[in-house]
Protein backbone atom coordinates (compact mmCIF):
# COMPACT_ATOMS: atom_id res chain seq x y z
CA MET A 1 -74.60 5.75 222.02
CA GLN A 2 -73.42 5.87 218.40
CA SER A 3 -76.21 8.32 217.41
CA GLU A 4 -75.32 10.57 220.35
CA SER A 5 -71.69 10.55 219.26
CA ASP A 6 -72.64 11.39 215.68
CA ALA A 7 -74.84 14.23 216.82
CA LEU A 8 -72.08 15.60 219.03
CA ALA A 9 -69.59 15.42 216.13
CA ARG A 10 -71.98 17.30 213.85
CA ARG A 11 -72.50 20.03 216.47
CA ALA A 12 -68.78 20.30 217.14
CA SER A 13 -68.03 20.70 213.45
CA THR A 14 -70.33 23.71 213.11
CA PHE A 15 -69.46 25.33 216.45
CA THR A 16 -67.61 28.63 216.32
CA TRP A 17 -64.55 27.92 218.41
CA SER A 18 -62.88 30.80 220.23
CA GLU A 19 -59.98 30.88 222.65
CA ASP A 20 -62.41 31.55 225.49
CA SER A 21 -64.71 28.65 224.55
CA VAL A 22 -61.83 26.21 224.29
CA ARG A 23 -60.36 27.40 227.62
CA HIS A 24 -63.77 26.95 229.23
CA LEU A 25 -64.08 23.46 227.78
CA VAL A 26 -60.60 22.45 228.93
CA GLY A 27 -61.41 23.76 232.41
CA ALA A 28 -64.68 21.80 232.52
CA LEU A 29 -62.99 18.57 231.44
CA ALA A 30 -60.21 18.99 233.96
CA ALA A 31 -62.83 19.48 236.67
CA LEU A 32 -64.04 15.88 236.10
CA HIS A 33 -61.40 14.46 238.49
CA PRO A 34 -63.94 13.51 241.23
CA GLU A 35 -65.70 11.20 238.79
CA PHE A 36 -62.66 8.93 238.72
CA LEU A 37 -63.00 8.33 242.44
CA GLN A 38 -66.53 6.92 242.22
CA LYS A 39 -66.80 3.28 243.25
CA GLY A 40 -68.68 0.56 241.40
CA ARG A 41 -67.48 1.15 237.87
CA PRO A 42 -65.47 -1.46 236.02
CA ILE A 43 -61.83 -0.42 236.04
CA ASP A 44 -61.39 -1.08 232.29
CA VAL A 45 -64.25 1.28 231.51
CA VAL A 46 -62.84 3.95 233.83
CA ALA A 47 -59.41 3.53 232.26
CA GLN A 48 -60.69 3.90 228.71
CA ARG A 49 -62.61 6.99 229.71
CA ALA A 50 -59.48 8.47 231.26
CA LYS A 51 -57.49 7.76 228.09
CA ARG A 52 -60.10 9.52 225.91
CA LEU A 53 -60.11 12.44 228.32
CA VAL A 54 -56.33 12.82 228.18
CA LEU A 55 -56.43 12.73 224.40
CA ALA A 56 -59.13 15.44 224.32
CA LEU A 57 -57.19 17.64 226.78
CA ASP A 58 -54.04 17.23 224.75
CA ARG A 59 -55.70 18.18 221.46
CA LEU A 60 -57.51 21.12 222.95
CA THR A 61 -54.48 22.51 224.77
CA THR A 62 -52.30 21.94 221.68
CA GLY A 63 -54.78 23.98 219.68
CA LEU A 64 -54.77 26.74 222.25
CA ASN A 65 -50.99 26.84 222.33
CA GLN A 66 -50.74 26.99 218.54
CA ASN A 67 -53.13 29.95 218.36
CA CYS A 68 -52.62 31.59 221.72
CA GLY A 69 -52.19 35.06 222.86
CA MET A 70 -50.80 33.62 226.09
CA CYS A 71 -49.64 30.02 225.89
CA LEU A 72 -50.29 27.46 228.58
CA LYS A 73 -47.29 26.05 230.42
CA ILE A 74 -48.71 22.65 231.34
CA GLU A 75 -46.34 20.17 229.72
CA PRO A 76 -45.37 18.32 232.92
CA GLU A 77 -49.00 17.91 233.95
CA ILE A 78 -50.22 16.64 230.57
CA ASN A 79 -47.21 14.36 230.31
CA GLN A 80 -48.11 12.87 233.68
CA LEU A 81 -51.68 12.21 232.51
CA PHE A 82 -50.34 10.41 229.43
CA GLN A 83 -48.15 8.30 231.74
CA ASP A 84 -51.22 7.44 233.83
CA VAL A 85 -53.11 6.02 230.83
CA ARG A 86 -50.09 4.48 229.06
CA THR A 87 -50.79 0.99 230.44
CA LEU A 88 -54.48 0.61 231.08
CA ASP A 89 -54.00 -2.73 232.79
CA ALA A 90 -52.27 -0.95 235.67
CA PHE A 91 -54.57 2.10 235.68
CA ASP A 92 -54.84 3.76 239.10
CA PRO A 93 -58.04 5.88 239.28
CA VAL A 94 -57.00 7.60 242.54
CA GLY A 95 -53.62 8.61 241.13
CA PHE A 96 -55.23 9.72 237.87
CA ALA A 97 -57.78 11.86 239.73
CA ASP A 98 -54.96 13.48 241.70
CA HIS A 99 -52.94 14.18 238.56
CA LEU A 100 -56.04 15.55 236.79
CA ARG A 101 -56.59 17.87 239.74
CA ASN A 102 -52.95 18.99 239.46
CA PHE A 103 -53.57 19.64 235.72
CA ARG A 104 -56.60 21.78 236.60
CA MET A 105 -54.58 23.78 239.13
CA ALA A 106 -51.85 24.37 236.52
CA LEU A 107 -54.52 25.65 234.14
CA GLU A 108 -55.75 28.04 236.81
CA LYS A 109 -52.23 29.38 237.30
CA ALA A 110 -51.72 29.75 233.56
CA LYS A 111 -54.62 32.20 233.16
């Protein structure tokens, strides 16, 4: 796992990021909402994954908005995702999946 993470970090550092590539990546990450509805995974693992996903979406959308031609208006949706992962002990995967789907729909409207 660590070697895969290191390899991904090296590739990401040399990748030529464009507005289109970041928008595509954000859309792909937002489309992961069905994965949070899968049964059989430990809730603490799912909660940690959700937290990392929200942090990634926040950083990517912040970057887009700082360098955008047309800024995304998704503050309420990203704020809701942060609320969802604020207390991982009370993490609700169904609610998170619903809010992630709402985030994805807001992205679609922002195009």
